[in-house]
N, C-alpha and C. Protein backbone atom coordinates (compact mmCIF):
# COMPACT_ATOMS: atom_id res chain seq x y z
N MET A 1 0.84 -1.18 0.00
CA MET A 1 0.00 0.00 0.00
C MET A 1 0.89 1.24 0.00
N GLN A 2 0.38 2.29 -0.60
CA GLN A 2 1.11 3.54 -0.73
C GLN A 2 0.71 4.50 0.40
N ARG A 3 1.69 5.16 1.03
CA ARG A 3 1.41 6.15 2.07
C ARG A 3 0.95 7.45 1.42
N VAL A 4 -0.10 8.05 1.98
CA VAL A 4 -0.63 9.31 1.50
C VAL A 4 -0.98 10.20 2.69
N ALA A 5 -1.11 11.49 2.42
CA ALA A 5 -1.58 12.44 3.42
C ALA A 5 -2.97 12.91 3.03
N LEU A 6 -3.87 12.95 4.00
CA LEU A 6 -5.23 13.44 3.79
C LEU A 6 -5.40 14.72 4.58
N SER A 7 -6.08 15.71 4.01
CA SER A 7 -6.27 16.95 4.76
C SER A 7 -7.48 17.73 4.25
N THR A 8 -8.06 18.48 5.18
CA THR A 8 -9.06 19.50 4.89
C THR A 8 -8.56 20.75 5.61
N GLY A 9 -9.34 21.77 5.68
CA GLY A 9 -8.92 22.95 6.43
C GLY A 9 -8.77 22.68 7.91
N GLU A 10 -9.54 21.77 8.45
CA GLU A 10 -9.58 21.53 9.90
C GLU A 10 -9.08 20.16 10.31
N TRP A 11 -8.90 19.24 9.40
CA TRP A 11 -8.63 17.84 9.72
C TRP A 11 -7.49 17.31 8.86
N GLY A 12 -6.76 16.35 9.38
CA GLY A 12 -5.70 15.74 8.60
C GLY A 12 -5.33 14.38 9.16
N ALA A 13 -4.77 13.52 8.32
CA ALA A 13 -4.35 12.18 8.74
C ALA A 13 -3.36 11.62 7.73
N MET A 14 -2.45 10.81 8.22
CA MET A 14 -1.60 10.00 7.35
C MET A 14 -2.37 8.71 7.11
N ALA A 15 -2.27 8.17 5.91
CA ALA A 15 -3.07 6.99 5.56
C ALA A 15 -2.32 6.10 4.58
N TYR A 16 -2.89 4.95 4.34
CA TYR A 16 -2.41 4.02 3.32
C TYR A 16 -3.48 3.93 2.25
N PHE A 17 -3.07 4.05 0.97
CA PHE A 17 -4.01 3.96 -0.15
C PHE A 17 -3.98 2.54 -0.69
N ALA A 18 -5.14 1.87 -0.67
CA ALA A 18 -5.26 0.48 -1.11
C ALA A 18 -5.57 0.45 -2.60
N ARG A 19 -4.60 0.05 -3.41
CA ARG A 19 -4.78 0.02 -4.87
C ARG A 19 -5.15 -1.36 -5.40
N THR A 20 -4.56 -2.42 -4.86
CA THR A 20 -4.78 -3.76 -5.40
C THR A 20 -6.03 -4.39 -4.82
N PHE A 21 -6.52 -5.43 -5.48
CA PHE A 21 -7.69 -6.15 -4.99
C PHE A 21 -7.45 -6.69 -3.59
N THR A 22 -6.28 -7.28 -3.35
CA THR A 22 -5.98 -7.84 -2.03
C THR A 22 -5.95 -6.74 -0.98
N ASP A 23 -5.33 -5.62 -1.28
CA ASP A 23 -5.31 -4.50 -0.34
C ASP A 23 -6.71 -4.00 -0.04
N ARG A 24 -7.56 -3.90 -1.06
CA ARG A 24 -8.94 -3.44 -0.84
C ARG A 24 -9.72 -4.45 -0.02
N LEU A 25 -9.53 -5.73 -0.28
CA LEU A 25 -10.25 -6.78 0.45
C LEU A 25 -9.87 -6.80 1.92
N LEU A 26 -8.58 -6.68 2.21
CA LEU A 26 -8.11 -6.79 3.58
C LEU A 26 -8.06 -5.46 4.33
N GLY A 27 -8.04 -4.35 3.59
CA GLY A 27 -8.13 -3.03 4.21
C GLY A 27 -7.18 -2.85 5.38
N VAL A 28 -7.73 -2.53 6.56
CA VAL A 28 -6.91 -2.21 7.73
C VAL A 28 -6.10 -3.39 8.24
N TRP A 29 -6.37 -4.59 7.80
CA TRP A 29 -5.56 -5.75 8.23
C TRP A 29 -4.18 -5.72 7.60
N ARG A 30 -3.99 -4.95 6.52
CA ARG A 30 -2.72 -4.91 5.81
C ARG A 30 -1.78 -3.80 6.31
N VAL A 31 -2.19 -3.04 7.31
CA VAL A 31 -1.40 -1.91 7.79
C VAL A 31 -1.23 -2.00 9.31
N PRO A 32 -0.30 -1.23 9.88
CA PRO A 32 -0.13 -1.26 11.34
C PRO A 32 -1.43 -0.89 12.07
N ASP A 33 -1.62 -1.47 13.26
CA ASP A 33 -2.81 -1.16 14.06
C ASP A 33 -2.98 0.35 14.24
N GLY A 34 -4.23 0.80 14.16
CA GLY A 34 -4.53 2.20 14.35
C GLY A 34 -4.34 3.07 13.13
N SER A 35 -4.01 2.46 11.99
CA SER A 35 -3.78 3.22 10.76
C SER A 35 -5.09 3.53 10.05
N THR A 36 -5.04 4.55 9.22
CA THR A 36 -6.15 4.95 8.37
C THR A 36 -5.89 4.40 6.97
N VAL A 37 -6.98 3.93 6.32
CA VAL A 37 -6.86 3.36 4.98
C VAL A 37 -7.84 4.07 4.05
N VAL A 38 -7.40 4.36 2.82
CA VAL A 38 -8.26 4.94 1.79
C VAL A 38 -8.50 3.85 0.75
N LEU A 39 -9.77 3.62 0.44
CA LEU A 39 -10.16 2.56 -0.50
C LEU A 39 -10.97 3.15 -1.64
N PRO A 40 -10.65 2.82 -2.90
CA PRO A 40 -11.44 3.31 -4.03
C PRO A 40 -12.66 2.41 -4.26
N VAL A 41 -13.58 2.42 -3.28
CA VAL A 41 -14.78 1.58 -3.29
C VAL A 41 -15.95 2.36 -2.71
N SER A 42 -17.15 1.79 -2.77
CA SER A 42 -18.31 2.41 -2.13
C SER A 42 -18.95 1.49 -1.08
N THR A 43 -18.36 0.32 -0.88
CA THR A 43 -18.86 -0.64 0.10
C THR A 43 -17.69 -1.20 0.88
N VAL A 44 -17.85 -1.30 2.21
CA VAL A 44 -16.81 -1.89 3.05
C VAL A 44 -17.45 -2.88 4.01
N HIS A 45 -16.61 -3.80 4.52
CA HIS A 45 -17.11 -4.79 5.47
C HIS A 45 -16.23 -4.81 6.71
N GLY A 46 -16.79 -5.34 7.78
CA GLY A 46 -16.05 -5.49 9.03
C GLY A 46 -15.95 -6.94 9.45
N PHE A 47 -16.01 -7.86 8.48
CA PHE A 47 -15.96 -9.29 8.81
C PHE A 47 -14.61 -9.63 9.44
N GLY A 48 -14.67 -10.32 10.57
CA GLY A 48 -13.47 -10.73 11.27
C GLY A 48 -12.87 -9.65 12.16
N ARG A 49 -13.43 -8.47 12.16
CA ARG A 49 -12.92 -7.38 13.00
C ARG A 49 -13.39 -7.55 14.43
N ARG A 50 -12.61 -7.06 15.35
CA ARG A 50 -12.99 -7.09 16.77
C ARG A 50 -13.43 -5.71 17.25
N GLN A 51 -12.95 -4.66 16.57
CA GLN A 51 -13.30 -3.30 16.96
C GLN A 51 -13.98 -2.58 15.80
N ALA A 52 -14.76 -1.58 16.17
CA ALA A 52 -15.47 -0.78 15.17
C ALA A 52 -14.49 0.16 14.45
N LEU A 53 -14.89 0.59 13.27
CA LEU A 53 -14.16 1.59 12.49
C LEU A 53 -15.10 2.75 12.17
N ASP A 54 -14.55 3.95 12.03
CA ASP A 54 -15.33 5.06 11.50
C ASP A 54 -15.07 5.11 10.00
N ILE A 55 -16.14 5.31 9.22
CA ILE A 55 -16.08 5.27 7.77
C ILE A 55 -16.52 6.64 7.23
N VAL A 56 -15.74 7.16 6.28
CA VAL A 56 -16.04 8.44 5.64
C VAL A 56 -16.17 8.19 4.14
N GLY A 57 -17.31 8.54 3.56
CA GLY A 57 -17.53 8.38 2.13
C GLY A 57 -17.24 9.67 1.39
N LEU A 58 -16.47 9.57 0.29
CA LEU A 58 -16.11 10.72 -0.54
C LEU A 58 -16.70 10.57 -1.93
N ASP A 59 -17.22 11.66 -2.49
CA ASP A 59 -17.75 11.60 -3.85
C ASP A 59 -16.61 11.81 -4.86
N ALA A 60 -16.95 11.96 -6.14
CA ALA A 60 -15.94 12.10 -7.19
C ALA A 60 -15.11 13.37 -7.04
N ALA A 61 -15.65 14.39 -6.39
CA ALA A 61 -14.93 15.63 -6.16
C ALA A 61 -14.16 15.61 -4.83
N MET A 62 -14.11 14.44 -4.18
CA MET A 62 -13.41 14.25 -2.89
C MET A 62 -14.08 15.03 -1.76
N ARG A 63 -15.38 15.24 -1.86
CA ARG A 63 -16.14 15.89 -0.79
C ARG A 63 -16.78 14.81 0.09
N VAL A 64 -16.81 15.08 1.39
CA VAL A 64 -17.40 14.14 2.34
C VAL A 64 -18.91 14.14 2.15
N ILE A 65 -19.45 12.96 1.80
CA ILE A 65 -20.90 12.85 1.59
C ILE A 65 -21.59 12.05 2.69
N SER A 66 -20.80 11.31 3.49
CA SER A 66 -21.40 10.50 4.53
C SER A 66 -20.34 10.03 5.52
N THR A 67 -20.75 9.86 6.77
CA THR A 67 -19.90 9.22 7.77
C THR A 67 -20.74 8.19 8.50
N SER A 68 -20.10 7.14 8.97
CA SER A 68 -20.83 6.08 9.64
C SER A 68 -19.87 5.28 10.51
N ARG A 69 -20.41 4.55 11.46
CA ARG A 69 -19.64 3.64 12.30
C ARG A 69 -19.85 2.22 11.76
N LEU A 70 -18.75 1.54 11.44
CA LEU A 70 -18.79 0.16 10.96
C LEU A 70 -18.51 -0.76 12.14
N GLU A 71 -19.52 -1.45 12.57
CA GLU A 71 -19.39 -2.41 13.67
C GLU A 71 -18.82 -3.72 13.13
N PRO A 72 -18.18 -4.51 13.99
CA PRO A 72 -17.64 -5.80 13.53
C PRO A 72 -18.71 -6.67 12.85
N ASN A 73 -18.29 -7.38 11.82
CA ASN A 73 -19.13 -8.33 11.09
C ASN A 73 -20.35 -7.70 10.43
N ARG A 74 -20.22 -6.47 10.00
CA ARG A 74 -21.29 -5.75 9.29
C ARG A 74 -20.76 -5.25 7.95
N ILE A 75 -21.68 -4.78 7.10
CA ILE A 75 -21.35 -4.19 5.80
C ILE A 75 -21.96 -2.79 5.75
N ILE A 76 -21.23 -1.87 5.16
CA ILE A 76 -21.77 -0.52 4.91
C ILE A 76 -21.67 -0.23 3.42
N VAL A 77 -22.79 0.20 2.84
CA VAL A 77 -22.83 0.64 1.45
C VAL A 77 -23.07 2.14 1.48
N MET A 78 -22.24 2.89 0.75
CA MET A 78 -22.38 4.34 0.68
C MET A 78 -22.66 4.74 -0.76
N PRO A 79 -23.95 4.79 -1.15
CA PRO A 79 -24.28 5.18 -2.52
C PRO A 79 -23.69 6.55 -2.85
N GLY A 80 -23.11 6.67 -4.03
CA GLY A 80 -22.51 7.92 -4.47
C GLY A 80 -21.06 8.09 -4.07
N ALA A 81 -20.56 7.22 -3.21
CA ALA A 81 -19.16 7.32 -2.79
C ALA A 81 -18.25 6.74 -3.87
N ARG A 82 -17.14 7.40 -4.12
CA ARG A 82 -16.11 6.90 -5.03
C ARG A 82 -14.92 6.38 -4.25
N MET A 83 -14.77 6.90 -3.02
CA MET A 83 -13.70 6.45 -2.12
C MET A 83 -14.25 6.40 -0.70
N ILE A 84 -13.64 5.55 0.09
CA ILE A 84 -14.00 5.43 1.49
C ILE A 84 -12.72 5.51 2.31
N ILE A 85 -12.81 6.25 3.40
CA ILE A 85 -11.72 6.31 4.38
C ILE A 85 -12.13 5.47 5.57
N GLU A 86 -11.29 4.50 5.94
CA GLU A 86 -11.50 3.69 7.15
C GLU A 86 -10.50 4.17 8.20
N THR A 87 -11.00 4.51 9.38
CA THR A 87 -10.13 5.00 10.44
C THR A 87 -10.59 4.42 11.78
N PRO A 88 -9.71 4.27 12.74
CA PRO A 88 -10.13 3.74 14.03
C PRO A 88 -11.30 4.54 14.61
N ALA A 89 -12.24 3.86 15.23
CA ALA A 89 -13.44 4.50 15.76
C ALA A 89 -13.11 5.46 16.89
N GLY A 90 -13.85 6.55 16.94
CA GLY A 90 -13.75 7.48 18.05
C GLY A 90 -12.87 8.69 17.81
N GLY A 91 -12.20 8.76 16.68
CA GLY A 91 -11.34 9.91 16.39
C GLY A 91 -12.10 11.04 15.75
N VAL A 92 -11.39 12.11 15.48
CA VAL A 92 -11.97 13.26 14.80
C VAL A 92 -12.10 12.93 13.31
N LEU A 93 -13.22 13.29 12.71
CA LEU A 93 -13.48 13.03 11.29
C LEU A 93 -13.68 14.35 10.56
N PRO A 94 -13.46 14.36 9.25
CA PRO A 94 -13.79 15.57 8.48
C PRO A 94 -15.30 15.78 8.49
N ALA A 95 -15.72 17.02 8.35
CA ALA A 95 -17.14 17.36 8.38
C ALA A 95 -17.81 17.09 7.04
N LEU A 96 -19.12 16.85 7.08
CA LEU A 96 -19.89 16.69 5.84
C LEU A 96 -19.68 17.92 4.97
N GLY A 97 -19.42 17.70 3.69
CA GLY A 97 -19.21 18.78 2.74
C GLY A 97 -17.77 19.22 2.59
N ASP A 98 -16.90 18.84 3.54
CA ASP A 98 -15.48 19.18 3.42
C ASP A 98 -14.88 18.50 2.21
N ARG A 99 -13.93 19.18 1.54
CA ARG A 99 -13.19 18.60 0.44
C ARG A 99 -11.88 18.05 1.00
N VAL A 100 -11.62 16.78 0.78
CA VAL A 100 -10.43 16.12 1.28
C VAL A 100 -9.36 16.13 0.20
N GLU A 101 -8.18 16.64 0.54
CA GLU A 101 -7.05 16.61 -0.39
C GLU A 101 -6.20 15.39 -0.07
N LEU A 102 -5.79 14.67 -1.12
CA LEU A 102 -4.96 13.48 -0.98
C LEU A 102 -3.64 13.76 -1.69
N THR A 103 -2.54 13.72 -0.95
CA THR A 103 -1.23 13.93 -1.54
C THR A 103 -0.32 12.77 -1.17
N HIS A 104 0.64 12.47 -2.03
CA HIS A 104 1.58 11.39 -1.76
C HIS A 104 2.54 11.80 -0.67
N ALA A 105 2.72 10.91 0.29
CA ALA A 105 3.61 11.21 1.44
C ALA A 105 5.02 10.76 1.17
């Protein structure tokens, strides 16, 4: 996975960008604990997870269109999302409508 930086005016995070099928399938299992992952998908799962994740859906313009909590062994579908950010539950998230910038770290 490739390291990237995510930022808005008020929020920022270092993350891993999942490009391959295996990286997208395994998501946060492929990175160090507590890491944030960016996935070019609109659906994510929590199968086999023990802890919840916070999920941020981004549209084609990289604007936040939805946020949700992904509980273990559940699926979240975010219609209209082109990318999803998976981050450990309970942290600060970008606000709805914020534009997220993604740069290579």
